[in-house]
Amino acid sequence: DTDRALVLLEEYCKKLRKPEEQQLKKAIRKVMGIFKSSLFQALLDIFTKKATRHGTVSHTSLPAAVVVLGCPKD
């Protein structure tokens, strides 16, 4: 559940206060931005509909759907 993941990531980010944790915090915020994006939501919808139509939802294939987004460089 994307909404739950966002809540958990936000809670975790609030705990990152040390200077050496700021790079991690920045990376988590990028992930949160991806989760909130319309592209990610559309890909997730397509994946879910396809898996539901075939009667299977494989958690191992979910990362393949997410990889389409790529990872932005700093």
PDB file of N, CA and C in Angstrom:
ATOM      1  N   ASP A   1       0.847  -1.175   0.000  1.00  0.00           N
ATOM      2  CA  ASP A   1       0.000   0.000   0.000  1.00  0.00           C
ATOM      3  C   ASP A   1       0.900   1.249   0.000  1.00  0.00           C
ATOM      4  N   THR A   2       0.812   2.000  -1.064  1.00  0.00           N
ATOM      5  CA  THR A   2       1.669   3.168  -1.247  1.00  0.00           C
ATOM      6  C   THR A   2       1.447   4.215  -0.160  1.00  0.00           C
ATOM      7  N   ASP A   3       0.201   4.447   0.195  1.00  0.00           N
ATOM      8  CA  ASP A   3      -0.090   5.459   1.214  1.00  0.00           C
ATOM      9  C   ASP A   3       0.547   5.098   2.557  1.00  0.00           C
ATOM     10  N   ARG A   4       0.476   3.844   2.912  1.00  0.00           N
ATOM     11  CA  ARG A   4       1.074   3.398   4.174  1.00  0.00           C
ATOM     12  C   ARG A   4       2.600   3.525   4.127  1.00  0.00           C
ATOM     13  N   ALA A   5       3.175   3.182   2.978  1.00  0.00           N
ATOM     14  CA  ALA A   5       4.631   3.319   2.822  1.00  0.00           C
ATOM     15  C   ALA A   5       5.044   4.770   2.967  1.00  0.00           C
ATOM     16  N   LEU A   6       4.273   5.676   2.400  1.00  0.00           N
ATOM     17  CA  LEU A   6       4.589   7.099   2.514  1.00  0.00           C
ATOM     18  C   LEU A   6       4.533   7.568   3.964  1.00  0.00           C
ATOM     19  N   VAL A   7       3.548   7.114   4.698  1.00  0.00           N
ATOM     20  CA  VAL A   7       3.426   7.481   6.110  1.00  0.00           C
ATOM     21  C   VAL A   7       4.642   6.971   6.890  1.00  0.00           C
ATOM     22  N   LEU A   8       5.020   5.726   6.641  1.00  0.00           N
ATOM     23  CA  LEU A   8       6.166   5.147   7.360  1.00  0.00           C
ATOM     24  C   LEU A   8       7.468   5.850   6.984  1.00  0.00           C
ATOM     25  N   LEU A   9       7.640   6.171   5.718  1.00  0.00           N
ATOM     26  CA  LEU A   9       8.846   6.875   5.297  1.00  0.00           C
ATOM     27  C   LEU A   9       8.913   8.274   5.909  1.00  0.00           C
ATOM     28  N   GLU A  10       7.783   8.938   5.958  1.00  0.00           N
ATOM     29  CA  GLU A  10       7.737  10.279   6.562  1.00  0.00           C
ATOM     30  C   GLU A  10       8.095  10.220   8.044  1.00  0.00           C
ATOM     31  N   GLU A  11       7.549   9.236   8.739  1.00  0.00           N
ATOM     32  CA  GLU A  11       7.865   9.070  10.161  1.00  0.00           C
ATOM     33  C   GLU A  11       9.359   8.802  10.357  1.00  0.00           C
ATOM     34  N   TYR A  12       9.929   7.980   9.489  1.00  0.00           N
ATOM     35  CA  TYR A  12      11.345   7.664   9.592  1.00  0.00           C
ATOM     36  C   TYR A  12      12.192   8.903   9.319  1.00  0.00           C
ATOM     37  N   CYS A  13      11.797   9.683   8.313  1.00  0.00           N
ATOM     38  CA  CYS A  13      12.539  10.899   7.964  1.00  0.00           C
ATOM     39  C   CYS A  13      12.590  11.879   9.135  1.00  0.00           C
ATOM     40  N   LYS A  14      11.530  11.957   9.886  1.00  0.00           N
ATOM     41  CA  LYS A  14      11.484  12.861  11.029  1.00  0.00           C
ATOM     42  C   LYS A  14      12.524  12.496  12.084  1.00  0.00           C
ATOM     43  N   LYS A  15      12.916  11.227  12.106  1.00  0.00           N
ATOM     44  CA  LYS A  15      13.899  10.760  13.085  1.00  0.00           C
ATOM     45  C   LYS A  15      15.342  10.998  12.632  1.00  0.00           C
ATOM     46  N   LEU A  16      15.521  11.326  11.370  1.00  0.00           N
ATOM     47  CA  LEU A  16      16.866  11.533  10.834  1.00  0.00           C
ATOM     48  C   LEU A  16      17.277  12.987  11.046  1.00  0.00           C
ATOM     49  N   ARG A  17      18.072  13.226  12.068  1.00  0.00           N
ATOM     50  CA  ARG A  17      18.448  14.603  12.427  1.00  0.00           C
ATOM     51  C   ARG A  17      19.948  14.839  12.405  1.00  0.00           C
ATOM     52  N   LYS A  18      20.726  13.777  12.507  1.00  0.00           N
ATOM     53  CA  LYS A  18      22.185  13.922  12.545  1.00  0.00           C
ATOM     54  C   LYS A  18      22.710  14.335  11.170  1.00  0.00           C
ATOM     55  N   PRO A  19      23.794  15.096  11.150  1.00  0.00           N
ATOM     56  CA  PRO A  19      24.364  15.527   9.860  1.00  0.00           C
ATOM     57  C   PRO A  19      24.691  14.360   8.925  1.00  0.00           C
ATOM     58  N   GLU A  20      25.181  13.257   9.483  1.00  0.00           N
ATOM     59  CA  GLU A  20      25.536  12.121   8.632  1.00  0.00           C
ATOM     60  C   GLU A  20      24.314  11.377   8.087  1.00  0.00           C
ATOM     61  N   GLU A  21      23.129  11.694   8.590  1.00  0.00           N
ATOM     62  CA  GLU A  21      21.895  11.060   8.129  1.00  0.00           C
ATOM     63  C   GLU A  21      21.181  11.875   7.040  1.00  0.00           C
ATOM     64  N   GLN A  22      21.684  13.044   6.748  1.00  0.00           N
ATOM     65  CA  GLN A  22      20.992  13.926   5.812  1.00  0.00           C
ATOM     66  C   GLN A  22      20.982  13.406   4.378  1.00  0.00           C
ATOM     67  N   GLN A  23      22.032  12.687   3.988  1.00  0.00           N
ATOM     68  CA  GLN A  23      22.059  12.114   2.646  1.00  0.00           C
ATOM     69  C   GLN A  23      20.982  11.034   2.519  1.00  0.00           C
ATOM     70  N   LEU A  24      20.836  10.219   3.554  1.00  0.00           N
ATOM     71  CA  LEU A  24      19.785   9.201   3.568  1.00  0.00           C
ATOM     72  C   LEU A  24      18.412   9.863   3.525  1.00  0.00           C
ATOM     73  N   LYS A  25      18.246  10.916   4.304  1.00  0.00           N
ATOM     74  CA  LYS A  25      16.974  11.634   4.340  1.00  0.00           C
ATOM     75  C   LYS A  25      16.632  12.180   2.957  1.00  0.00           C
ATOM     76  N   LYS A  26      17.617  12.725   2.262  1.00  0.00           N
ATOM     77  CA  LYS A  26      17.414  13.255   0.912  1.00  0.00           C
ATOM     78  C   LYS A  26      16.984  12.138  -0.041  1.00  0.00           C
ATOM     79  N   ALA A  27      17.621  10.976   0.064  1.00  0.00           N
ATOM     80  CA  ALA A  27      17.291   9.844  -0.794  1.00  0.00           C
ATOM     81  C   ALA A  27      15.876   9.339  -0.521  1.00  0.00           C
ATOM     82  N   ILE A  28      15.500   9.285   0.741  1.00  0.00           N
ATOM     83  CA  ILE A  28      14.151   8.840   1.101  1.00  0.00           C
ATOM     84  C   ILE A  28      13.116   9.813   0.565  1.00  0.00           C
ATOM     85  N   ARG A  29      13.411  11.103   0.641  1.00  0.00           N
ATOM     86  CA  ARG A  29      12.477  12.106   0.111  1.00  0.00           C
ATOM     87  C   ARG A  29      12.308  11.948  -1.402  1.00  0.00           C
ATOM     88  N   LYS A  30      13.369  11.564  -2.106  1.00  0.00           N
ATOM     89  CA  LYS A  30      13.264  11.310  -3.551  1.00  0.00           C
ATOM     90  C   LYS A  30      12.334  10.129  -3.814  1.00  0.00           C
ATOM     91  N   VAL A  31      12.490   9.076  -3.024  1.00  0.00           N
ATOM     92  CA  VAL A  31      11.620   7.905  -3.165  1.00  0.00           C
ATOM     93  C   VAL A  31      10.171   8.285  -2.899  1.00  0.00           C
ATOM     94  N   MET A  32       9.969   9.107  -1.888  1.00  0.00           N
ATOM     95  CA  MET A  32       8.609   9.559  -1.575  1.00  0.00           C
ATOM     96  C   MET A  32       8.024  10.345  -2.746  1.00  0.00           C
ATOM     97  N   GLY A  33       8.848  11.163  -3.377  1.00  0.00           N
ATOM     98  CA  GLY A  33       8.386  11.917  -4.542  1.00  0.00           C
ATOM     99  C   GLY A  33       7.981  11.000  -5.689  1.00  0.00           C
ATOM    100  N   ILE A  34       8.753   9.924  -5.871  1.00  0.00           N
ATOM    101  CA  ILE A  34       8.420   8.950  -6.910  1.00  0.00           C
ATOM    102  C   ILE A  34       7.100   8.266  -6.580  1.00  0.00           C
ATOM    103  N   PHE A  35       6.933   7.851  -5.332  1.00  0.00           N
ATOM    104  CA  PHE A  35       5.691   7.195  -4.929  1.00  0.00           C
ATOM    105  C   PHE A  35       4.479   8.099  -5.154  1.00  0.00           C
ATOM    106  N   LYS A  36       4.658   9.396  -4.987  1.00  0.00           N
ATOM    107  CA  LYS A  36       3.558  10.345  -5.151  1.00  0.00           C
ATOM    108  C   LYS A  36       3.305  10.710  -6.608  1.00  0.00           C
ATOM    109  N   SER A  37       4.226  10.367  -7.486  1.00  0.00           N
ATOM    110  CA  SER A  37       4.103  10.785  -8.885  1.00  0.00           C
ATOM    111  C   SER A  37       2.965  10.068  -9.605  1.00  0.00           C
ATOM    112  N   SER A  38       2.392  10.755 -10.553  1.00  0.00           N
ATOM    113  CA  SER A  38       1.304  10.165 -11.336  1.00  0.00           C
ATOM    114  C   SER A  38       1.821   9.018 -12.198  1.00  0.00           C
ATOM    115  N   LEU A  39       3.073   9.093 -12.643  1.00  0.00           N
ATOM    116  CA  LEU A  39       3.646   8.009 -13.438  1.00  0.00           C
ATOM    117  C   LEU A  39       3.735   6.725 -12.615  1.00  0.00           C
ATOM    118  N   PHE A  40       4.242   6.814 -11.399  1.00  0.00           N
ATOM    119  CA  PHE A  40       4.340   5.637 -10.541  1.00  0.00           C
ATOM    120  C   PHE A  40       2.954   5.062 -10.274  1.00  0.00           C
ATOM    121  N   GLN A  41       2.005   5.910  -9.960  1.00  0.00           N
ATOM    122  CA  GLN A  41       0.651   5.439  -9.675  1.00  0.00           C
ATOM    123  C   GLN A  41       0.035   4.756 -10.892  1.00  0.00           C
ATOM    124  N   ALA A  42       0.276   5.310 -12.083  1.00  0.00           N
ATOM    125  CA  ALA A  42      -0.240   4.698 -13.306  1.00  0.00           C
ATOM    126  C   ALA A  42       0.392   3.334 -13.543  1.00  0.00           C
ATOM    127  N   LEU A  43       1.716   3.229 -13.355  1.00  0.00           N
ATOM    128  CA  LEU A  43       2.395   1.941 -13.519  1.00  0.00           C
ATOM    129  C   LEU A  43       1.894   0.917 -12.504  1.00  0.00           C
ATOM    130  N   LEU A  44       1.679   1.362 -11.290  1.00  0.00           N
ATOM    131  CA  LEU A  44       1.171   0.469 -10.257  1.00  0.00           C
ATOM    132  C   LEU A  44      -0.238  -0.010 -10.601  1.00  0.00           C
ATOM    133  N   ASP A  45      -1.072   0.881 -11.101  1.00  0.00           N
ATOM    134  CA  ASP A  45      -2.427   0.505 -11.522  1.00  0.00           C
ATOM    135  C   ASP A  45      -2.387  -0.525 -12.648  1.00  0.00           C
ATOM    136  N   ILE A  46      -1.521  -0.298 -13.631  1.00  0.00           N
ATOM    137  CA  ILE A  46      -1.396  -1.232 -14.754  1.00  0.00           C
ATOM    138  C   ILE A  46      -0.938  -2.594 -14.246  1.00  0.00           C
ATOM    139  N   PHE A  47       0.081  -2.600 -13.401  1.00  0.00           N
ATOM    140  CA  PHE A  47       0.590  -3.842 -12.848  1.00  0.00           C
ATOM    141  C   PHE A  47      -0.492  -4.591 -12.082  1.00  0.00           C
ATOM    142  N   THR A  48      -1.217  -3.863 -11.243  1.00  0.00           N
ATOM    143  CA  THR A  48      -2.256  -4.480 -10.418  1.00  0.00           C
ATOM    144  C   THR A  48      -3.370  -5.048 -11.278  1.00  0.00           C
ATOM    145  N   LYS A  49      -3.815  -4.296 -12.271  1.00  0.00           N
ATOM    146  CA  LYS A  49      -4.884  -4.775 -13.156  1.00  0.00           C
ATOM    147  C   LYS A  49      -4.441  -5.998 -13.936  1.00  0.00           C
ATOM    148  N   LYS A  50      -3.219  -5.991 -14.441  1.00  0.00           N
ATOM    149  CA  LYS A  50      -2.706  -7.127 -15.200  1.00  0.00           C
ATOM    150  C   LYS A  50      -2.598  -8.361 -14.313  1.00  0.00           C
ATOM    151  N   ALA A  51      -2.062  -8.189 -13.110  1.00  0.00           N
ATOM    152  CA  ALA A  51      -1.917  -9.313 -12.189  1.00  0.00           C
ATOM    153  C   ALA A  51      -3.274  -9.860 -11.771  1.00  0.00           C
ATOM    154  N   THR A  52      -4.224  -8.965 -11.544  1.00  0.00           N
ATOM    155  CA  THR A  52      -5.563  -9.382 -11.147  1.00  0.00           C
ATOM    156  C   THR A  52      -6.252 -10.139 -12.279  1.00  0.00           C
ATOM    157  N   ARG A  53      -6.065  -9.653 -13.486  1.00  0.00           N
ATOM    158  CA  ARG A  53      -6.676 -10.284 -14.657  1.00  0.00           C
ATOM    159  C   ARG A  53      -6.151 -11.716 -14.828  1.00  0.00           C
ATOM    160  N   HIS A  54      -4.874 -11.925 -14.539  1.00  0.00           N
ATOM    161  CA  HIS A  54      -4.281 -13.258 -14.672  1.00  0.00           C
ATOM    162  C   HIS A  54      -4.451 -14.091 -13.414  1.00  0.00           C
ATOM    163  N   GLY A  55      -5.005 -13.496 -12.387  1.00  0.00           N
ATOM    164  CA  GLY A  55      -5.265 -14.237 -11.153  1.00  0.00           C
ATOM    165  C   GLY A  55      -4.053 -14.451 -10.277  1.00  0.00           C
ATOM    166  N   THR A  56      -2.973 -13.751 -10.596  1.00  0.00           N
ATOM    167  CA  THR A  56      -1.766 -13.895  -9.778  1.00  0.00           C
ATOM    168  C   THR A  56      -1.169 -12.539  -9.492  1.00  0.00           C
ATOM    169  N   VAL A  57      -0.662 -12.407  -8.322  1.00  0.00           N
ATOM    170  CA  VAL A  57       0.100 -11.219  -7.969  1.00  0.00           C
ATOM    171  C   VAL A  57       1.421 -11.722  -7.414  1.00  0.00           C
ATOM    172  N   SER A  58       2.465 -11.520  -8.185  1.00  0.00           N
ATOM    173  CA  SER A  58       3.784 -11.980  -7.765  1.00  0.00           C
ATOM    174  C   SER A  58       4.557 -10.807  -7.197  1.00  0.00           C
ATOM    175  N   HIS A  59       4.893 -10.880  -5.932  1.00  0.00           N
ATOM    176  CA  HIS A  59       5.641  -9.797  -5.303  1.00  0.00           C
ATOM    177  C   HIS A  59       7.040  -9.672  -5.882  1.00  0.00           C
ATOM    178  N   THR A  60       7.552 -10.762  -6.471  1.00  0.00           N
ATOM    179  CA  THR A  60       8.883 -10.691  -7.068  1.00  0.00           C
ATOM    180  C   THR A  60       8.879  -9.913  -8.373  1.00  0.00           C
ATOM    181  N   SER A  61       7.726  -9.788  -9.022  1.00  0.00           N
ATOM    182  CA  SER A  61       7.672  -9.039 -10.273  1.00  0.00           C
ATOM    183  C   SER A  61       7.338  -7.566 -10.062  1.00  0.00           C
ATOM    184  N   LEU A  62       6.933  -7.191  -8.865  1.00  0.00           N
ATOM    185  CA  LEU A  62       6.639  -5.790  -8.585  1.00  0.00           C
ATOM    186  C   LEU A  62       7.844  -4.890  -8.805  1.00  0.00           C
ATOM    187  N   PRO A  63       9.045  -5.258  -8.338  1.00  0.00           N
ATOM    188  CA  PRO A  63      10.199  -4.391  -8.592  1.00  0.00           C
ATOM    189  C   PRO A  63      10.437  -4.146 -10.081  1.00  0.00           C
ATOM    190  N   ALA A  64      10.109  -5.116 -10.923  1.00  0.00           N
ATOM    191  CA  ALA A  64      10.276  -4.926 -12.362  1.00  0.00           C
ATOM    192  C   ALA A  64       9.378  -3.791 -12.859  1.00  0.00           C
ATOM    193  N   ALA A  65       8.208  -3.667 -12.302  1.00  0.00           N
ATOM    194  CA  ALA A  65       7.310  -2.572 -12.680  1.00  0.00           C
ATOM    195  C   ALA A  65       7.850  -1.235 -12.219  1.00  0.00           C
ATOM    196  N   VAL A  66       8.508  -1.228 -11.079  1.00  0.00           N
ATOM    197  CA  VAL A  66       9.051   0.002 -10.513  1.00  0.00           C
ATOM    198  C   VAL A  66      10.318   0.433 -11.230  1.00  0.00           C
ATOM    199  N   VAL A  67      11.102  -0.516 -11.732  1.00  0.00           N
ATOM    200  CA  VAL A  67      12.372  -0.211 -12.393  1.00  0.00           C
ATOM    201  C   VAL A  67      12.165   0.689 -13.605  1.00  0.00           C
ATOM    202  N   VAL A  68      11.005   0.636 -14.202  1.00  0.00           N
ATOM    203  CA  VAL A  68      10.706   1.473 -15.358  1.00  0.00           C
ATOM    204  C   VAL A  68      10.936   2.941 -15.036  1.00  0.00           C
ATOM    205  N   LEU A  69      10.719   3.323 -13.799  1.00  0.00           N
ATOM    206  CA  LEU A  69      10.895   4.722 -13.389  1.00  0.00           C
ATOM    207  C   LEU A  69      12.357   5.140 -13.384  1.00  0.00           C
ATOM    208  N   GLY A  70      13.239   4.222 -13.176  1.00  0.00           N
ATOM    209  CA  GLY A  70      14.650   4.536 -13.097  1.00  0.00           C
ATOM    210  C   GLY A  70      14.970   5.206 -11.765  1.00  0.00           C
ATOM    211  N   CYS A  71      16.214   5.541 -11.621  1.00  0.00           N
ATOM    212  CA  CYS A  71      16.669   6.203 -10.402  1.00  0.00           C
ATOM    213  C   CYS A  71      17.360   7.489 -10.793  1.00  0.00           C
ATOM    214  N   PRO A  72      16.775   8.652 -10.445  1.00  0.00           N
ATOM    215  CA  PRO A  72      17.379   9.912 -10.839  1.00  0.00           C
ATOM    216  C   PRO A  72      18.760  10.119 -10.211  1.00  0.00           C
ATOM    217  N   LYS A  73      19.661  10.682 -10.975  1.00  0.00           N
ATOM    218  CA  LYS A  73      20.997  10.985 -10.481  1.00  0.00           C
ATOM    219  C   LYS A  73      20.975  12.317  -9.725  1.00  0.00           C
ATOM    220  N   ASP A  74      21.861  12.451  -8.752  1.00  0.00           N
ATOM    221  CA  ASP A  74      21.976  13.713  -7.986  1.00  0.00           C
ATOM    222  C   ASP A  74      22.548  14.803  -8.849  1.00  0.00           C
TER     223      ASP A  74
END
